[in-house]
Amino acid sequence: MIFRKATPEDADSIMKLEAECMPHPWVRSDIEALTKEPLKEAIVADNGKDITGYIGLSFVEDEAEVGNICVSPENRRQGIASDLLDEACLSLRSKGIKTLFLEVSSDNEGAIGLYKKKGFGHYNTRKGYYGDSDAMLMRKDISQE
């Protein structure tokens, strides 16, 4: 598996992942922005024939946020999401980013477990943000790694 910065040519594959993984997938212009705008980035997991996962990031000053992280259903439970987070932290640290933020549905136990394992801590909650579930706001200091 190769982890690399996404290019505009990856937009179709990322759109497919979004459709497979997210109840409200991002629109094409949002995906394309991750590959073109200077304060955004996407990192993909590429197995040589398919993109099996991606993480979308935005950053400003010394802070960054995970917009989405997706792994295709047939490639889950192989450590791809964990590796994408590691690659994101490496890339962000090289840009001087110190803190990484994300939000996750409070009923997404698998993702919450991964984020806690990766050192993210819960710092706030948005009640009813995802309709029937809350959004857990989490953050991690990546400057010390």
C-alpha atoms as a PDB file:
ATOM      1  CA  MET A   1       0.000   0.000   0.000  1.00  0.00           C
ATOM      2  CA  ILE A   2       1.328   3.417  -0.962  1.00  0.00           C
ATOM      3  CA  PHE A   3       0.199   6.564   0.837  1.00  0.00           C
ATOM      4  CA  ARG A   4       0.516   9.704  -1.250  1.00  0.00           C
ATOM      5  CA  LYS A   5      -0.871  13.181  -1.690  1.00  0.00           C
ATOM      6  CA  ALA A   6      -4.001  13.123  -3.848  1.00  0.00           C
ATOM      7  CA  THR A   7      -3.986  14.732  -7.272  1.00  0.00           C
ATOM      8  CA  PRO A   8      -6.919  16.153  -9.260  1.00  0.00           C
ATOM      9  CA  GLU A   9      -6.944  12.884 -11.232  1.00  0.00           C
ATOM     10  CA  ASP A  10      -7.930  11.057  -8.017  1.00  0.00           C
ATOM     11  CA  ALA A  11     -11.229  12.962  -7.678  1.00  0.00           C
ATOM     12  CA  ASP A  12     -13.381  10.223  -9.262  1.00  0.00           C
ATOM     13  CA  SER A  13     -11.966   7.543  -6.958  1.00  0.00           C
ATOM     14  CA  ILE A  14     -12.392   9.752  -3.895  1.00  0.00           C
ATOM     15  CA  MET A  15     -15.975  10.545  -4.934  1.00  0.00           C
ATOM     16  CA  LYS A  16     -16.646   6.804  -5.170  1.00  0.00           C
ATOM     17  CA  LEU A  17     -15.269   6.289  -1.636  1.00  0.00           C
ATOM     18  CA  GLU A  18     -17.415   9.128  -0.326  1.00  0.00           C
ATOM     19  CA  ALA A  19     -20.522   7.561  -1.868  1.00  0.00           C
ATOM     20  CA  GLU A  20     -19.677   4.160  -0.341  1.00  0.00           C
ATOM     21  CA  CYS A  21     -18.820   5.458   3.120  1.00  0.00           C
ATOM     22  CA  MET A  22     -20.710   8.633   3.944  1.00  0.00           C
ATOM     23  CA  PRO A  23     -24.436   9.219   4.441  1.00  0.00           C
ATOM     24  CA  HIS A  24     -23.910  12.760   3.082  1.00  0.00           C
ATOM     25  CA  PRO A  25     -20.977  12.542   0.654  1.00  0.00           C
ATOM     26  CA  TRP A  26     -19.029  15.636  -0.261  1.00  0.00           C
ATOM     27  CA  VAL A  27     -19.665  17.213  -3.640  1.00  0.00           C
ATOM     28  CA  ARG A  28     -17.067  17.141  -6.388  1.00  0.00           C
ATOM     29  CA  SER A  29     -15.988  20.754  -5.887  1.00  0.00           C
ATOM     30  CA  ASP A  30     -15.126  19.978  -2.237  1.00  0.00           C
ATOM     31  CA  ILE A  31     -13.046  16.973  -3.291  1.00  0.00           C
ATOM     32  CA  GLU A  32     -11.288  18.906  -6.019  1.00  0.00           C
ATOM     33  CA  ALA A  33     -10.482  21.688  -3.542  1.00  0.00           C
ATOM     34  CA  LEU A  34      -8.547  19.154  -1.439  1.00  0.00           C
ATOM     35  CA  THR A  35      -6.204  18.582  -4.383  1.00  0.00           C
ATOM     36  CA  LYS A  36      -5.841  22.187  -5.530  1.00  0.00           C
ATOM     37  CA  GLU A  37      -6.161  24.702  -2.696  1.00  0.00           C
ATOM     38  CA  PRO A  38      -3.042  25.650  -0.736  1.00  0.00           C
ATOM     39  CA  LEU A  39      -4.613  25.218   2.728  1.00  0.00           C
ATOM     40  CA  LYS A  40      -6.160  21.834   1.995  1.00  0.00           C
ATOM     41  CA  GLU A  41      -4.809  18.377   1.314  1.00  0.00           C
ATOM     42  CA  ALA A  42      -5.961  14.838   0.731  1.00  0.00           C
ATOM     43  CA  ILE A  43      -3.862  11.755   1.279  1.00  0.00           C
ATOM     44  CA  VAL A  44      -4.872   8.539  -0.433  1.00  0.00           C
ATOM     45  CA  ALA A  45      -4.141   4.874   0.209  1.00  0.00           C
ATOM     46  CA  ASP A  46      -3.307   3.390  -3.186  1.00  0.00           C
ATOM     47  CA  ASN A  47      -2.887  -0.369  -3.590  1.00  0.00           C
ATOM     48  CA  GLY A  48      -1.613  -0.049  -7.162  1.00  0.00           C
ATOM     49  CA  LYS A  49      -4.938  -0.549  -8.856  1.00  0.00           C
ATOM     50  CA  ASP A  50      -7.472   1.230  -6.629  1.00  0.00           C
ATOM     51  CA  ILE A  51      -7.627   3.977  -4.065  1.00  0.00           C
ATOM     52  CA  THR A  52      -8.852   2.125  -0.996  1.00  0.00           C
ATOM     53  CA  GLY A  53      -9.025   5.065   1.409  1.00  0.00           C
ATOM     54  CA  TYR A  54      -8.428   8.754   1.856  1.00  0.00           C
ATOM     55  CA  ILE A  55      -8.252  11.488   4.450  1.00  0.00           C
ATOM     56  CA  GLY A  56      -9.196  15.095   3.708  1.00  0.00           C
ATOM     57  CA  LEU A  57      -7.529  17.883   5.673  1.00  0.00           C
ATOM     58  CA  SER A  58      -7.724  21.646   5.954  1.00  0.00           C
ATOM     59  CA  PHE A  59      -5.307  23.825   7.888  1.00  0.00           C
ATOM     60  CA  VAL A  60      -4.565  27.381   8.902  1.00  0.00           C
ATOM     61  CA  GLU A  61      -1.805  28.812  11.079  1.00  0.00           C
ATOM     62  CA  ASP A  62      -0.764  25.907  13.359  1.00  0.00           C
ATOM     63  CA  GLU A  63      -4.088  24.039  13.433  1.00  0.00           C
ATOM     64  CA  ALA A  64      -5.665  21.481  11.112  1.00  0.00           C
ATOM     65  CA  GLU A  65      -8.940  19.617  10.853  1.00  0.00           C
ATOM     66  CA  VAL A  66      -9.856  16.232   9.444  1.00  0.00           C
ATOM     67  CA  GLY A  67     -12.821  16.797   7.144  1.00  0.00           C
ATOM     68  CA  ASN A  68     -13.432  13.171   6.226  1.00  0.00           C
ATOM     69  CA  ILE A  69     -11.694   9.869   6.418  1.00  0.00           C
ATOM     70  CA  CYS A  70     -13.019   6.998   4.309  1.00  0.00           C
ATOM     71  CA  VAL A  71     -11.923   3.423   3.718  1.00  0.00           C
ATOM     72  CA  SER A  72     -13.762   1.240   1.230  1.00  0.00           C
ATOM     73  CA  PRO A  73     -15.956  -1.344   2.975  1.00  0.00           C
ATOM     74  CA  GLU A  74     -14.011  -4.310   1.531  1.00  0.00           C
ATOM     75  CA  ASN A  75     -10.719  -2.882   2.841  1.00  0.00           C
ATOM     76  CA  ARG A  76     -11.707  -2.070   6.410  1.00  0.00           C
ATOM     77  CA  ARG A  77     -10.075  -3.643   9.481  1.00  0.00           C
ATOM     78  CA  GLN A  78      -6.672  -3.675   7.787  1.00  0.00           C
ATOM     79  CA  GLY A  79      -5.192  -0.616   9.495  1.00  0.00           C
ATOM     80  CA  ILE A  80      -5.682   1.717   6.536  1.00  0.00           C
ATOM     81  CA  ALA A  81      -7.506   4.427   8.513  1.00  0.00           C
ATOM     82  CA  SER A  82      -4.826   4.256  11.203  1.00  0.00           C
ATOM     83  CA  ASP A  83      -2.084   4.571   8.595  1.00  0.00           C
ATOM     84  CA  LEU A  84      -3.893   7.482   6.918  1.00  0.00           C
ATOM     85  CA  LEU A  85      -3.986   9.308  10.258  1.00  0.00           C
ATOM     86  CA  ASP A  86      -0.270   8.662  10.745  1.00  0.00           C
ATOM     87  CA  GLU A  87       0.525   9.947   7.247  1.00  0.00           C
ATOM     88  CA  ALA A  88      -1.649  13.004   7.838  1.00  0.00           C
ATOM     89  CA  CYS A  89       0.192  13.815  11.067  1.00  0.00           C
ATOM     90  CA  LEU A  90       3.562  13.505   9.315  1.00  0.00           C
ATOM     91  CA  SER A  91       2.474  15.798   6.502  1.00  0.00           C
ATOM     92  CA  LEU A  92       0.894  18.339   8.836  1.00  0.00           C
ATOM     93  CA  ARG A  93       3.900  18.461  11.170  1.00  0.00           C
ATOM     94  CA  SER A  94       6.099  19.249   8.172  1.00  0.00           C
ATOM     95  CA  LYS A  95       3.882  22.313   7.642  1.00  0.00           C
ATOM     96  CA  GLY A  96       4.268  23.466  11.270  1.00  0.00           C
ATOM     97  CA  ILE A  97       0.849  22.237  12.392  1.00  0.00           C
ATOM     98  CA  LYS A  98       0.649  21.574  16.132  1.00  0.00           C
ATOM     99  CA  THR A  99      -2.963  20.554  16.765  1.00  0.00           C
ATOM    100  CA  LEU A 100      -5.251  18.284  14.754  1.00  0.00           C
ATOM    101  CA  PHE A 101      -9.026  18.441  15.293  1.00  0.00           C
ATOM    102  CA  LEU A 102     -11.862  16.202  14.154  1.00  0.00           C
ATOM    103  CA  GLU A 103     -15.482  15.473  14.874  1.00  0.00           C
ATOM    104  CA  VAL A 104     -17.159  12.107  14.922  1.00  0.00           C
ATOM    105  CA  SER A 105     -20.692  10.865  15.470  1.00  0.00           C
ATOM    106  CA  SER A 106     -21.100   9.705  19.057  1.00  0.00           C
ATOM    107  CA  ASP A 107     -22.576   6.421  17.805  1.00  0.00           C
ATOM    108  CA  ASN A 108     -19.551   5.580  15.609  1.00  0.00           C
ATOM    109  CA  GLU A 109     -17.830   3.389  18.184  1.00  0.00           C
ATOM    110  CA  GLY A 110     -15.243   1.986  15.771  1.00  0.00           C
ATOM    111  CA  ALA A 111     -13.999   5.425  14.735  1.00  0.00           C
ATOM    112  CA  ILE A 112     -14.028   6.726  18.310  1.00  0.00           C
ATOM    113  CA  GLY A 113     -11.950   3.738  19.411  1.00  0.00           C
ATOM    114  CA  LEU A 114      -9.438   4.375  16.620  1.00  0.00           C
ATOM    115  CA  TYR A 115      -9.166   8.073  17.445  1.00  0.00           C
ATOM    116  CA  LYS A 116      -8.638   7.380  21.143  1.00  0.00           C
ATOM    117  CA  LYS A 117      -6.000   4.775  20.306  1.00  0.00           C
ATOM    118  CA  LYS A 118      -4.270   7.390  18.143  1.00  0.00           C
ATOM    119  CA  GLY A 119      -4.163   9.845  21.053  1.00  0.00           C
ATOM    120  CA  PHE A 120      -7.168  12.062  20.334  1.00  0.00           C
ATOM    121  CA  GLY A 121      -9.055  13.362  23.339  1.00  0.00           C
ATOM    122  CA  HIS A 122     -12.696  14.413  23.578  1.00  0.00           C
ATOM    123  CA  TYR A 123     -13.007  18.108  24.441  1.00  0.00           C
ATOM    124  CA  ASN A 124     -16.596  19.065  23.595  1.00  0.00           C
ATOM    125  CA  THR A 125     -19.932  17.812  22.242  1.00  0.00           C
ATOM    126  CA  ARG A 126     -22.394  19.236  19.729  1.00  0.00           C
ATOM    127  CA  LYS A 127     -25.805  17.930  20.766  1.00  0.00           C
ATOM    128  CA  GLY A 128     -27.947  16.558  17.939  1.00  0.00           C
ATOM    129  CA  TYR A 129     -25.404  17.568  15.296  1.00  0.00           C
ATOM    130  CA  TYR A 130     -25.967  14.387  13.275  1.00  0.00           C
ATOM    131  CA  GLY A 131     -29.722  14.316  13.769  1.00  0.00           C
ATOM    132  CA  ASP A 132     -30.216  11.500  16.267  1.00  0.00           C
ATOM    133  CA  SER A 133     -26.620  11.498  17.481  1.00  0.00           C
ATOM    134  CA  ASP A 134     -24.212  14.033  18.890  1.00  0.00           C
ATOM    135  CA  ALA A 135     -20.892  15.090  17.415  1.00  0.00           C
ATOM    136  CA  MET A 136     -17.901  14.394  19.625  1.00  0.00           C
ATOM    137  CA  LEU A 137     -15.213  17.015  19.087  1.00  0.00           C
ATOM    138  CA  MET A 138     -11.745  15.570  19.492  1.00  0.00           C
ATOM    139  CA  ARG A 139      -8.198  16.935  19.253  1.00  0.00           C
ATOM    140  CA  LYS A 140      -4.613  15.772  19.365  1.00  0.00           C
ATOM    141  CA  ASP A 141      -1.332  17.584  19.913  1.00  0.00           C
ATOM    142  CA  ILE A 142       0.786  16.394  16.992  1.00  0.00           C
ATOM    143  CA  SER A 143       3.793  18.625  17.676  1.00  0.00           C
ATOM    144  CA  GLN A 144       5.236  16.215  20.265  1.00  0.00           C
ATOM    145  CA  GLU A 145       5.359  13.094  18.111  1.00  0.00           C
END
